[in-house]
Amino acid sequence: MAIKITEECINCGACEPECPNNAIYEGGAEWRFSDGTSVKGMFKTLSGNEVDADAAQTPVSMDIYYIVTDKCTECVGFHDEPQCASVCPVDCCVDDPDYRESKEDLLSKKDRLHVA
């Protein structure tokens, strides 16, 4: 599963630099698949859509920090636990029940984002 940031977010920004996939963005900020990953050119998303990795994507939230589900691996392959949740002072980085993925799926996503 992915992690999400709840409405309790105080916009402190502690989570953003901790993400090894650069999947966390400040509210209102556009994001790209290429940000902090090795993805280049056309990229197939989890939903099967193909997008330009460098194309700006619409912010998920305008008011609080947010996590891009297609880039979140819950830190699997990098750390023992999600780093955003471990540094959040108000515990607003939580499991997202709408996006359930196995450890194998998360490792596969990591490999797709960080091509060796």
PDB file of N, CA and C in Angstrom:
ATOM      1  N   MET A   1       0.845  -1.178   0.000  1.00  0.00           N
ATOM      2  CA  MET A   1       0.000   0.000   0.000  1.00  0.00           C
ATOM      3  C   MET A   1       0.880   1.227   0.000  1.00  0.00           C
ATOM      4  N   ALA A   2       0.338   2.344  -0.318  1.00  0.00           N
ATOM      5  CA  ALA A   2       1.055   3.609  -0.286  1.00  0.00           C
ATOM      6  C   ALA A   2       0.746   4.304   1.040  1.00  0.00           C
ATOM      7  N   ILE A   3       1.456   5.363   1.265  1.00  0.00           N
ATOM      8  CA  ILE A   3       1.230   6.203   2.438  1.00  0.00           C
ATOM      9  C   ILE A   3       0.506   7.454   1.946  1.00  0.00           C
ATOM     10  N   LYS A   4      -0.333   8.016   2.793  1.00  0.00           N
ATOM     11  CA  LYS A   4      -0.985   9.287   2.466  1.00  0.00           C
ATOM     12  C   LYS A   4      -0.763  10.249   3.622  1.00  0.00           C
ATOM     13  N   ILE A   5      -0.931  11.515   3.334  1.00  0.00           N
ATOM     14  CA  ILE A   5      -0.827  12.561   4.345  1.00  0.00           C
ATOM     15  C   ILE A   5      -2.235  13.061   4.624  1.00  0.00           C
ATOM     16  N   THR A   6      -2.607  13.046   5.878  1.00  0.00           N
ATOM     17  CA  THR A   6      -3.975  13.431   6.255  1.00  0.00           C
ATOM     18  C   THR A   6      -4.095  14.942   6.444  1.00  0.00           C
ATOM     19  N   GLU A   7      -5.331  15.371   6.621  1.00  0.00           N
ATOM     20  CA  GLU A   7      -5.654  16.786   6.811  1.00  0.00           C
ATOM     21  C   GLU A   7      -5.002  17.383   8.067  1.00  0.00           C
ATOM     22  N   GLU A   8      -4.520  16.527   8.959  1.00  0.00           N
ATOM     23  CA  GLU A   8      -3.880  17.020  10.177  1.00  0.00           C
ATOM     24  C   GLU A   8      -2.491  17.599   9.906  1.00  0.00           C
ATOM     25  N   CYS A   9      -2.001  17.504   8.676  1.00  0.00           N
ATOM     26  CA  CYS A   9      -0.678  18.009   8.300  1.00  0.00           C
ATOM     27  C   CYS A   9      -0.543  19.479   8.689  1.00  0.00           C
ATOM     28  N   ILE A  10       0.579  19.807   9.323  1.00  0.00           N
ATOM     29  CA  ILE A  10       0.844  21.192   9.741  1.00  0.00           C
ATOM     30  C   ILE A  10       1.817  21.890   8.791  1.00  0.00           C
ATOM     31  N   ASN A  11       2.105  21.256   7.642  1.00  0.00           N
ATOM     32  CA  ASN A  11       2.985  21.828   6.622  1.00  0.00           C
ATOM     33  C   ASN A  11       4.381  22.147   7.137  1.00  0.00           C
ATOM     34  N   CYS A  12       4.909  21.283   8.004  1.00  0.00           N
ATOM     35  CA  CYS A  12       6.253  21.523   8.543  1.00  0.00           C
ATOM     36  C   CYS A  12       7.340  21.148   7.542  1.00  0.00           C
ATOM     37  N   GLY A  13       7.034  20.220   6.620  1.00  0.00           N
ATOM     38  CA  GLY A  13       7.998  19.827   5.607  1.00  0.00           C
ATOM     39  C   GLY A  13       9.020  18.793   6.048  1.00  0.00           C
ATOM     40  N   ALA A  14       8.897  18.252   7.242  1.00  0.00           N
ATOM     41  CA  ALA A  14       9.874  17.278   7.738  1.00  0.00           C
ATOM     42  C   ALA A  14       9.932  16.028   6.868  1.00  0.00           C
ATOM     43  N   CYS A  15       8.815  15.650   6.297  1.00  0.00           N
ATOM     44  CA  CYS A  15       8.720  14.408   5.522  1.00  0.00           C
ATOM     45  C   CYS A  15       9.396  14.489   4.160  1.00  0.00           C
ATOM     46  N   GLU A  16       9.302  15.630   3.519  1.00  0.00           N
ATOM     47  CA  GLU A  16       9.729  15.751   2.119  1.00  0.00           C
ATOM     48  C   GLU A  16      11.171  15.296   1.861  1.00  0.00           C
ATOM     49  N   PRO A  17      12.167  15.758   2.604  1.00  0.00           N
ATOM     50  CA  PRO A  17      13.541  15.329   2.297  1.00  0.00           C
ATOM     51  C   PRO A  17      13.839  13.880   2.659  1.00  0.00           C
ATOM     52  N   GLU A  18      12.961  13.245   3.414  1.00  0.00           N
ATOM     53  CA  GLU A  18      13.195  11.864   3.841  1.00  0.00           C
ATOM     54  C   GLU A  18      12.820  10.831   2.791  1.00  0.00           C
ATOM     55  N   CYS A  19      12.037  11.221   1.800  1.00  0.00           N
ATOM     56  CA  CYS A  19      11.509  10.263   0.816  1.00  0.00           C
ATOM     57  C   CYS A  19      12.566   9.884  -0.221  1.00  0.00           C
ATOM     58  N   PRO A  20      12.932   8.597  -0.299  1.00  0.00           N
ATOM     59  CA  PRO A  20      13.941   8.172  -1.267  1.00  0.00           C
ATOM     60  C   PRO A  20      13.452   8.176  -2.721  1.00  0.00           C
ATOM     61  N   ASN A  21      12.152   8.320  -2.913  1.00  0.00           N
ATOM     62  CA  ASN A  21      11.563   8.337  -4.254  1.00  0.00           C
ATOM     63  C   ASN A  21      11.133   9.728  -4.695  1.00  0.00           C
ATOM     64  N   ASN A  22      11.350  10.708  -3.840  1.00  0.00           N
ATOM     65  CA  ASN A  22      10.880  12.064  -4.112  1.00  0.00           C
ATOM     66  C   ASN A  22       9.395  12.037  -4.470  1.00  0.00           C
ATOM     67  N   ALA A  23       8.619  11.329  -3.643  1.00  0.00           N
ATOM     68  CA  ALA A  23       7.174  11.190  -3.870  1.00  0.00           C
ATOM     69  C   ALA A  23       6.363  12.182  -3.058  1.00  0.00           C
ATOM     70  N   ILE A  24       7.015  13.010  -2.248  1.00  0.00           N
ATOM     71  CA  ILE A  24       6.310  13.954  -1.380  1.00  0.00           C
ATOM     72  C   ILE A  24       6.542  15.368  -1.892  1.00  0.00           C
ATOM     73  N   TYR A  25       5.432  16.103  -2.003  1.00  0.00           N
ATOM     74  CA  TYR A  25       5.487  17.463  -2.541  1.00  0.00           C
ATOM     75  C   TYR A  25       4.698  18.417  -1.662  1.00  0.00           C
ATOM     76  N   GLU A  26       5.114  19.663  -1.667  1.00  0.00           N
ATOM     77  CA  GLU A  26       4.390  20.701  -0.942  1.00  0.00           C
ATOM     78  C   GLU A  26       3.063  20.967  -1.651  1.00  0.00           C
ATOM     79  N   GLY A  27       2.035  21.264  -0.880  1.00  0.00           N
ATOM     80  CA  GLY A  27       0.733  21.565  -1.451  1.00  0.00           C
ATOM     81  C   GLY A  27       0.831  22.603  -2.552  1.00  0.00           C
ATOM     82  N   GLY A  28       0.179  22.342  -3.677  1.00  0.00           N
ATOM     83  CA  GLY A  28       0.171  23.271  -4.804  1.00  0.00           C
ATOM     84  C   GLY A  28       1.319  23.081  -5.775  1.00  0.00           C
ATOM     85  N   ALA A  29       2.327  22.280  -5.409  1.00  0.00           N
ATOM     86  CA  ALA A  29       3.488  22.077  -6.282  1.00  0.00           C
ATOM     87  C   ALA A  29       3.186  21.012  -7.327  1.00  0.00           C
ATOM     88  N   GLU A  30       3.543  21.305  -8.582  1.00  0.00           N
ATOM     89  CA  GLU A  30       3.443  20.301  -9.626  1.00  0.00           C
ATOM     90  C   GLU A  30       4.520  19.252  -9.372  1.00  0.00           C
ATOM     91  N   TRP A  31       4.313  18.049  -9.895  1.00  0.00           N
ATOM     92  CA  TRP A  31       5.283  16.979  -9.713  1.00  0.00           C
ATOM     93  C   TRP A  31       5.564  16.295 -11.036  1.00  0.00           C
ATOM     94  N   ARG A  32       6.668  15.539 -11.070  1.00  0.00           N
ATOM     95  CA  ARG A  32       7.073  14.807 -12.269  1.00  0.00           C
ATOM     96  C   ARG A  32       7.572  13.417 -11.855  1.00  0.00           C
ATOM     97  N   PHE A  33       7.370  12.439 -12.715  1.00  0.00           N
ATOM     98  CA  PHE A  33       7.911  11.109 -12.452  1.00  0.00           C
ATOM     99  C   PHE A  33       9.431  11.145 -12.414  1.00  0.00           C
ATOM    100  N   SER A  34      10.039  12.034 -13.156  1.00  0.00           N
ATOM    101  CA  SER A  34      11.502  12.110 -13.217  1.00  0.00           C
ATOM    102  C   SER A  34      12.123  12.733 -11.967  1.00  0.00           C
ATOM    103  N   ASP A  35      11.346  13.433 -11.164  1.00  0.00           N
ATOM    104  CA  ASP A  35      11.881  14.067  -9.956  1.00  0.00           C
ATOM    105  C   ASP A  35      12.455  13.017  -9.013  1.00  0.00           C
ATOM    106  N   GLY A  36      13.766  13.060  -8.797  1.00  0.00           N
ATOM    107  CA  GLY A  36      14.397  12.170  -7.834  1.00  0.00           C
ATOM    108  C   GLY A  36      14.431  10.702  -8.205  1.00  0.00           C
ATOM    109  N   THR A  37      14.159  10.387  -9.465  1.00  0.00           N
ATOM    110  CA  THR A  37      14.192   8.998  -9.935  1.00  0.00           C
ATOM    111  C   THR A  37      15.081   8.939 -11.178  1.00  0.00           C
ATOM    112  N   SER A  38      15.249   7.756 -11.734  1.00  0.00           N
ATOM    113  CA  SER A  38      16.013   7.628 -12.978  1.00  0.00           C
ATOM    114  C   SER A  38      15.092   7.479 -14.191  1.00  0.00           C
ATOM    115  N   VAL A  39      13.788   7.723 -13.997  1.00  0.00           N
ATOM    116  CA  VAL A  39      12.815   7.584 -15.075  1.00  0.00           C
ATOM    117  C   VAL A  39      13.024   8.686 -16.109  1.00  0.00           C
ATOM    118  N   LYS A  40      13.066   8.266 -17.381  1.00  0.00           N
ATOM    119  CA  LYS A  40      13.228   9.210 -18.483  1.00  0.00           C
ATOM    120  C   LYS A  40      12.274   8.826 -19.614  1.00  0.00           C
ATOM    121  N   GLY A  41      11.956   9.785 -20.462  1.00  0.00           N
ATOM    122  CA  GLY A  41      11.108   9.496 -21.624  1.00  0.00           C
ATOM    123  C   GLY A  41       9.695   9.122 -21.227  1.00  0.00           C
ATOM    124  N   MET A  42       9.092   8.246 -21.998  1.00  0.00           N
ATOM    125  CA  MET A  42       7.726   7.810 -21.721  1.00  0.00           C
ATOM    126  C   MET A  42       7.741   6.772 -20.601  1.00  0.00           C
ATOM    127  N   PHE A  43       6.785   6.910 -19.690  1.00  0.00           N
ATOM    128  CA  PHE A  43       6.719   6.038 -18.516  1.00  0.00           C
ATOM    129  C   PHE A  43       5.298   5.523 -18.365  1.00  0.00           C
ATOM    130  N   LYS A  44       5.166   4.220 -18.137  1.00  0.00           N
ATOM    131  CA  LYS A  44       3.846   3.614 -17.949  1.00  0.00           C
ATOM    132  C   LYS A  44       3.504   3.640 -16.464  1.00  0.00           C
ATOM    133  N   THR A  45       2.398   4.286 -16.126  1.00  0.00           N
ATOM    134  CA  THR A  45       1.971   4.403 -14.737  1.00  0.00           C
ATOM    135  C   THR A  45       1.334   3.102 -14.258  1.00  0.00           C
ATOM    136  N   LEU A  46       1.071   3.013 -12.967  1.00  0.00           N
ATOM    137  CA  LEU A  46       0.439   1.829 -12.406  1.00  0.00           C
ATOM    138  C   LEU A  46      -0.946   1.583 -13.005  1.00  0.00           C
ATOM    139  N   SER A  47      -1.608   2.661 -13.398  1.00  0.00           N
ATOM    140  CA  SER A  47      -2.937   2.524 -13.991  1.00  0.00           C
ATOM    141  C   SER A  47      -2.874   2.186 -15.476  1.00  0.00           C
ATOM    142  N   GLY A  48      -1.657   2.113 -16.039  1.00  0.00           N
ATOM    143  CA  GLY A  48      -1.495   1.733 -17.436  1.00  0.00           C
ATOM    144  C   GLY A  48      -1.383   2.899 -18.404  1.00  0.00           C
ATOM    145  N   ASN A  49      -1.507   4.115 -17.915  1.00  0.00           N
ATOM    146  CA  ASN A  49      -1.361   5.278 -18.777  1.00  0.00           C
ATOM    147  C   ASN A  49       0.116   5.524 -19.081  1.00  0.00           C
ATOM    148  N   GLU A  50       0.401   6.060 -20.256  1.00  0.00           N
ATOM    149  CA  GLU A  50       1.770   6.435 -20.587  1.00  0.00           C
ATOM    150  C   GLU A  50       1.879   7.943 -20.530  1.00  0.00           C
ATOM    151  N   VAL A  51       2.910   8.408 -19.802  1.00  0.00           N
ATOM    152  CA  VAL A  51       3.135   9.842 -19.654  1.00  0.00           C
ATOM    153  C   VAL A  51       4.610  10.149 -19.869  1.00  0.00           C
ATOM    154  N   ASP A  52       4.889  11.373 -20.260  1.00  0.00           N
ATOM    155  CA  ASP A  52       6.270  11.844 -20.365  1.00  0.00           C
ATOM    156  C   ASP A  52       6.778  12.045 -18.937  1.00  0.00           C
ATOM    157  N   ALA A  53       7.874  11.405 -18.594  1.00  0.00           N
ATOM    158  CA  ALA A  53       8.406  11.465 -17.229  1.00  0.00           C
ATOM    159  C   ALA A  53       8.741  12.890 -16.796  1.00  0.00           C
ATOM    160  N   ASP A  54       9.049  13.762 -17.746  1.00  0.00           N
ATOM    161  CA  ASP A  54       9.394  15.151 -17.418  1.00  0.00           C
ATOM    162  C   ASP A  54       8.207  16.099 -17.465  1.00  0.00           C
ATOM    163  N   ALA A  55       7.032  15.594 -17.816  1.00  0.00           N
ATOM    164  CA  ALA A  55       5.845  16.443 -17.906  1.00  0.00           C
ATOM    165  C   ALA A  55       5.320  16.774 -16.508  1.00  0.00           C
ATOM    166  N   ALA A  56       5.008  18.030 -16.301  1.00  0.00           N
ATOM    167  CA  ALA A  56       4.451  18.459 -15.015  1.00  0.00           C
ATOM    168  C   ALA A  56       3.067  17.856 -14.824  1.00  0.00           C
ATOM    169  N   GLN A  57       2.840  17.331 -13.631  1.00  0.00           N
ATOM    170  CA  GLN A  57       1.560  16.716 -13.283  1.00  0.00           C
ATOM    171  C   GLN A  57       0.820  17.624 -12.293  1.00  0.00           C
ATOM    172  N   THR A  58      -0.475  17.529 -12.291  1.00  0.00           N
ATOM    173  CA  THR A  58      -1.319  18.347 -11.420  1.00  0.00           C
ATOM    174  C   THR A  58      -1.093  17.989  -9.950  1.00  0.00           C
ATOM    175  N   PRO A  59      -0.982  18.983  -9.085  1.00  0.00           N
ATOM    176  CA  PRO A  59      -0.827  18.697  -7.653  1.00  0.00           C
ATOM    177  C   PRO A  59      -1.990  17.859  -7.122  1.00  0.00           C
ATOM    178  N   VAL A  60      -1.690  16.948  -6.225  1.00  0.00           N
ATOM    179  CA  VAL A  60      -2.713  16.118  -5.600  1.00  0.00           C
ATOM    180  C   VAL A  60      -3.477  16.920  -4.551  1.00  0.00           C
ATOM    181  N   SER A  61      -2.790  17.868  -3.918  1.00  0.00           N
ATOM    182  CA  SER A  61      -3.408  18.737  -2.910  1.00  0.00           C
ATOM    183  C   SER A  61      -2.896  20.157  -3.114  1.00  0.00           C
ATOM    184  N   MET A  62      -3.731  21.105  -2.833  1.00  0.00           N
ATOM    185  CA  MET A  62      -3.316  22.500  -2.943  1.00  0.00           C
ATOM    186  C   MET A  62      -2.929  23.078  -1.584  1.00  0.00           C
ATOM    187  N   ASP A  63      -3.369  22.453  -0.499  1.00  0.00           N
ATOM    188  CA  ASP A  63      -3.227  23.055   0.819  1.00  0.00           C
ATOM    189  C   ASP A  63      -2.173  22.424   1.719  1.00  0.00           C
ATOM    190  N   ILE A  64      -1.978  21.119   1.595  1.00  0.00           N
ATOM    191  CA  ILE A  64      -1.036  20.429   2.476  1.00  0.00           C
ATOM    192  C   ILE A  64      -0.079  19.582   1.643  1.00  0.00           C
ATOM    193  N   TYR A  65       1.012  19.175   2.269  1.00  0.00           N
ATOM    194  CA  TYR A  65       1.930  18.263   1.600  1.00  0.00           C
ATOM    195  C   TYR A  65       1.152  17.024   1.152  1.00  0.00           C
ATOM    196  N   TYR A  66       1.620  16.410   0.078  1.00  0.00           N
ATOM    197  CA  TYR A  66       0.934  15.224  -0.432  1.00  0.00           C
ATOM    198  C   TYR A  66       1.957  14.214  -0.940  1.00  0.00           C
ATOM    199  N   ILE A  67       1.519  12.959  -1.059  1.00  0.00           N
ATOM    200  CA  ILE A  67       2.360  11.872  -1.543  1.00  0.00           C
ATOM    201  C   ILE A  67       1.775  11.361  -2.857  1.00  0.00           C
ATOM    202  N   VAL A  68       2.629  11.228  -3.868  1.00  0.00           N
ATOM    203  CA  VAL A  68       2.222  10.689  -5.162  1.00  0.00           C
ATOM    204  C   VAL A  68       2.230   9.169  -5.052  1.00  0.00           C
ATOM    205  N   THR A  69       1.063   8.565  -5.113  1.00  0.00           N
ATOM    206  CA  THR A  69       0.906   7.122  -4.954  1.00  0.00           C
ATOM    207  C   THR A  69       1.765   6.339  -5.943  1.00  0.00           C
ATOM    208  N   ASP A  70       1.830   6.789  -7.188  1.00  0.00           N
ATOM    209  CA  ASP A  70       2.601   6.075  -8.211  1.00  0.00           C
ATOM    210  C   ASP A  70       4.102   6.084  -7.936  1.00  0.00           C
ATOM    211  N   LYS A  71       4.560   6.915  -6.998  1.00  0.00           N
ATOM    212  CA  LYS A  71       5.982   6.966  -6.677  1.00  0.00           C
ATOM    213  C   LYS A  71       6.295   6.425  -5.273  1.00  0.00           C
ATOM    214  N   CYS A  72       5.278   6.239  -4.440  1.00  0.00           N
ATOM    215  CA  CYS A  72       5.496   5.793  -3.058  1.00  0.00           C
ATOM    216  C   CYS A  72       5.728   4.285  -2.997  1.00  0.00           C
ATOM    217  N   THR A  73       6.827   3.890  -2.365  1.00  0.00           N
ATOM    218  CA  THR A  73       7.133   2.469  -2.159  1.00  0.00           C
ATOM    219  C   THR A  73       7.147   2.122  -0.672  1.00  0.00           C
ATOM    220  N   GLU A  74       6.637   3.020   0.154  1.00  0.00           N
ATOM    221  CA  GLU A  74       6.674   2.843   1.610  1.00  0.00           C
ATOM    222  C   GLU A  74       8.105   2.619   2.087  1.00  0.00           C
ATOM    223  N   CYS A  75       9.066   3.106   1.321  1.00  0.00           N
ATOM    224  CA  CYS A  75      10.501   2.988   1.605  1.00  0.00           C
ATOM    225  C   CYS A  75      11.009   1.547   1.505  1.00  0.00           C
ATOM    226  N   VAL A  76      10.177   0.620   0.997  1.00  0.00           N
ATOM    227  CA  VAL A  76      10.611  -0.764   0.805  1.00  0.00           C
ATOM    228  C   VAL A  76      11.802  -0.755  -0.156  1.00  0.00           C
ATOM    229  N   GLY A  77      12.842  -1.479   0.223  1.00  0.00           N
ATOM    230  CA  GLY A  77      14.052  -1.515  -0.578  1.00  0.00           C
ATOM    231  C   GLY A  77      15.057  -0.451  -0.186  1.00  0.00           C
ATOM    232  N   PHE A  78      14.635   0.469   0.677  1.00  0.00           N
ATOM    233  CA  PHE A  78      15.515   1.528   1.160  1.00  0.00           C
ATOM    234  C   PHE A  78      15.673   1.486   2.683  1.00  0.00           C
ATOM    235  N   HIS A  79      14.544   1.386   3.384  1.00  0.00           N
ATOM    236  CA  HIS A  79      14.519   1.452   4.845  1.00  0.00           C
ATOM    237  C   HIS A  79      13.558   0.404   5.398  1.00  0.00           C
ATOM    238  N   ASP A  80      13.633   0.174   6.705  1.00  0.00           N
ATOM    239  CA  ASP A  80      12.759  -0.813   7.355  1.00  0.00           C
ATOM    240  C   ASP A  80      11.348  -0.309   7.585  1.00  0.00           C
ATOM    241  N   GLU A  81      11.152   1.007   7.525  1.00  0.00           N
ATOM    242  CA  GLU A  81       9.838   1.594   7.745  1.00  0.00           C
ATOM    243  C   GLU A  81       9.723   2.873   6.927  1.00  0.00           C
ATOM    244  N   PRO A  82       8.500   3.317   6.650  1.00  0.00           N
ATOM    245  CA  PRO A  82       8.327   4.577   5.916  1.00  0.00           C
ATOM    246  C   PRO A  82       8.940   5.743   6.694  1.00  0.00           C
ATOM    247  N   GLN A  83       9.877   6.406   6.061  1.00  0.00           N
ATOM    248  CA  GLN A  83      10.592   7.480   6.730  1.00  0.00           C
ATOM    249  C   GLN A  83       9.719   8.708   6.983  1.00  0.00           C
ATOM    250  N   CYS A  84       8.759   8.972   6.109  1.00  0.00           N
ATOM    251  CA  CYS A  84       7.872  10.128   6.327  1.00  0.00           C
ATOM    252  C   CYS A  84       7.116   9.964   7.637  1.00  0.00           C
ATOM    253  N   ALA A  85       6.615   8.759   7.868  1.00  0.00           N
ATOM    254  CA  ALA A  85       5.856   8.497   9.096  1.00  0.00           C
ATOM    255  C   ALA A  85       6.743   8.573  10.324  1.00  0.00           C
ATOM    256  N   SER A  86       7.998   8.160  10.187  1.00  0.00           N
ATOM    257  CA  SER A  86       8.879   8.152  11.355  1.00  0.00           C
ATOM    258  C   SER A  86       9.306   9.551  11.783  1.00  0.00           C
ATOM    259  N   VAL A  87       9.292  10.526  10.865  1.00  0.00           N
ATOM    260  CA  VAL A  87       9.702  11.886  11.228  1.00  0.00           C
ATOM    261  C   VAL A  87       8.532  12.846  11.427  1.00  0.00           C
ATOM    262  N   CYS A  88       7.329  12.431  11.090  1.00  0.00           N
ATOM    263  CA  CYS A  88       6.170  13.331  11.176  1.00  0.00           C
ATOM    264  C   CYS A  88       5.842  13.653  12.638  1.00  0.00           C
ATOM    265  N   PRO A  89       5.848  14.930  13.002  1.00  0.00           N
ATOM    266  CA  PRO A  89       5.591  15.294  14.401  1.00  0.00           C
ATOM    267  C   PRO A  89       4.130  15.167  14.825  1.00  0.00           C
ATOM    268  N   VAL A  90       3.215  15.053  13.853  1.00  0.00           N
ATOM    269  CA  VAL A  90       1.794  14.958  14.206  1.00  0.00           C
ATOM    270  C   VAL A  90       1.163  13.651  13.722  1.00  0.00           C
ATOM    271  N   ASP A  91       1.985  12.703  13.316  1.00  0.00           N
ATOM    272  CA  ASP A  91       1.515  11.378  12.892  1.00  0.00           C
ATOM    273  C   ASP A  91       0.438  11.427  11.807  1.00  0.00           C
ATOM    274  N   CYS A  92       0.661  12.271  10.786  1.00  0.00           N
ATOM    275  CA  CYS A  92      -0.342  12.363   9.720  1.00  0.00           C
ATOM    276  C   CYS A  92       0.060  11.597   8.463  1.00  0.00           C
ATOM    277  N   CYS A  93       1.208  10.925   8.469  1.00  0.00           N
ATOM    278  CA  CYS A  93       1.609  10.060   7.361  1.00  0.00           C
ATOM    279  C   CYS A  93       1.172   8.645   7.729  1.00  0.00           C
ATOM    280  N   VAL A  94       0.101   8.194   7.090  1.00  0.00           N
ATOM    281  CA  VAL A  94      -0.533   6.930   7.467  1.00  0.00           C
ATOM    282  C   VAL A  94      -0.748   6.046   6.243  1.00  0.00           C
ATOM    283  N   ASP A  95      -1.015   4.762   6.477  1.00  0.00           N
ATOM    284  CA  ASP A  95      -1.337   3.849   5.387  1.00  0.00           C
ATOM    285  C   ASP A  95      -2.561   4.355   4.637  1.00  0.00           C
ATOM    286  N   ASP A  96      -2.504   4.240   3.316  1.00  0.00           N
ATOM    287  CA  ASP A  96      -3.630   4.633   2.480  1.00  0.00           C
ATOM    288  C   ASP A  96      -4.414   3.372   2.116  1.00  0.00           C
ATOM    289  N   PRO A  97      -5.595   3.176   2.715  1.00  0.00           N
ATOM    290  CA  PRO A  97      -6.356   1.948   2.466  1.00  0.00           C
ATOM    291  C   PRO A  97      -6.841   1.816   1.025  1.00  0.00           C
ATOM    292  N   ASP A  98      -6.794   2.895   0.257  1.00  0.00           N
ATOM    293  CA  ASP A  98      -7.241   2.845  -1.136  1.00  0.00           C
ATOM    294  C   ASP A  98      -6.176   2.264  -2.070  1.00  0.00           C
ATOM    295  N   TYR A  99      -4.931   2.142  -1.582  1.00  0.00           N
ATOM    296  CA  TYR A  99      -3.839   1.637  -2.407  1.00  0.00           C
ATOM    297  C   TYR A  99      -3.082   0.552  -1.656  1.00  0.00           C
ATOM    298  N   ARG A 100      -3.480  -0.686  -1.868  1.00  0.00           N
ATOM    299  CA  ARG A 100      -2.860  -1.839  -1.221  1.00  0.00           C
ATOM    300  C   ARG A 100      -1.905  -2.510  -2.195  1.00  0.00           C
ATOM    301  N   GLU A 101      -0.652  -2.668  -1.787  1.00  0.00           N
ATOM    302  CA  GLU A 101       0.352  -3.327  -2.612  1.00  0.00           C
ATOM    303  C   GLU A 101       1.165  -4.277  -1.738  1.00  0.00           C
ATOM    304  N   SER A 102       1.573  -5.384  -2.316  1.00  0.00           N
ATOM    305  CA  SER A 102       2.409  -6.334  -1.586  1.00  0.00           C
ATOM    306  C   SER A 102       3.848  -5.815  -1.543  1.00  0.00           C
ATOM    307  N   LYS A 103       4.650  -6.429  -0.700  1.00  0.00           N
ATOM    308  CA  LYS A 103       6.058  -6.068  -0.630  1.00  0.00           C
ATOM    309  C   LYS A 103       6.720  -6.271  -1.994  1.00  0.00           C
ATOM    310  N   GLU A 104       6.350  -7.338  -2.683  1.00  0.00           N
ATOM    311  CA  GLU A 104       6.901  -7.611  -4.007  1.00  0.00           C
ATOM    312  C   GLU A 104       6.511  -6.511  -5.004  1.00  0.00           C
ATOM    313  N   ASP A 105       5.251  -6.058  -4.935  1.00  0.00           N
ATOM    314  CA  ASP A 105       4.800  -4.968  -5.809  1.00  0.00           C
ATOM    315  C   ASP A 105       5.574  -3.691  -5.523  1.00  0.00           C
ATOM    316  N   LEU A 106       5.803  -3.412  -4.235  1.00  0.00           N
ATOM    317  CA  LEU A 106       6.538  -2.205  -3.860  1.00  0.00           C
ATOM    318  C   LEU A 106       7.993  -2.274  -4.322  1.00  0.00           C
ATOM    319  N   LEU A 107       8.612  -3.449  -4.223  1.00  0.00           N
ATOM    320  CA  LEU A 107       9.982  -3.615  -4.717  1.00  0.00           C
ATOM    321  C   LEU A 107      10.038  -3.451  -6.231  1.00  0.00           C
ATOM    322  N   SER A 108       9.033  -3.972  -6.921  1.00  0.00           N
ATOM    323  CA  SER A 108       8.962  -3.821  -8.369  1.00  0.00           C
ATOM    324  C   SER A 108       8.820  -2.345  -8.745  1.00  0.00           C
ATOM    325  N   LYS A 109       7.986  -1.623  -8.006  1.00  0.00           N
ATOM    326  CA  LYS A 109       7.812  -0.187  -8.261  1.00  0.00           C
ATOM    327  C   LYS A 109       9.138   0.539  -8.044  1.00  0.00           C
ATOM    328  N   LYS A 110       9.839   0.200  -6.973  1.00  0.00           N
ATOM    329  CA  LYS A 110      11.153   0.799  -6.687  1.00  0.00           C
ATOM    330  C   LYS A 110      12.094   0.567  -7.866  1.00  0.00           C
ATOM    331  N   ASP A 111      12.133  -0.667  -8.365  1.00  0.00           N
ATOM    332  CA  ASP A 111      13.020  -0.987  -9.481  1.00  0.00           C
ATOM    333  C   ASP A 111      12.648  -0.226 -10.745  1.00  0.00           C
ATOM    334  N   ARG A 112      11.357   0.014 -10.959  1.00  0.00           N
ATOM    335  CA  ARG A 112      10.918   0.782 -12.133  1.00  0.00           C
ATOM    336  C   ARG A 112      11.298   2.257 -12.022  1.00  0.00           C
ATOM    337  N   LEU A 113      11.318   2.765 -10.794  1.00  0.00           N
ATOM    338  CA  LEU A 113      11.644   4.178 -10.565  1.00  0.00           C
ATOM    339  C   LEU A 113      13.149   4.447 -10.531  1.00  0.00           C
ATOM    340  N   HIS A 114      13.898   3.424 -10.146  1.00  0.00           N
ATOM    341  CA  HIS A 114      15.348   3.595  -9.979  1.00  0.00           C
ATOM    342  C   HIS A 114      16.088   2.541 -10.797  1.00  0.00           C
ATOM    343  N   VAL A 115      16.093   2.738 -12.117  1.00  0.00           N
ATOM    344  CA  VAL A 115      16.736   1.807 -13.031  1.00  0.00           C
ATOM    345  C   VAL A 115      18.244   1.869 -12.806  1.00  0.00           C
ATOM    346  N   ALA A 116      18.840   0.712 -12.657  1.00  0.00           N
ATOM    347  CA  ALA A 116      20.296   0.660 -12.400  1.00  0.00           C
ATOM    348  C   ALA A 116      21.097   0.981 -13.628  1.00  0.00           C
TER     349      ALA A 116
END
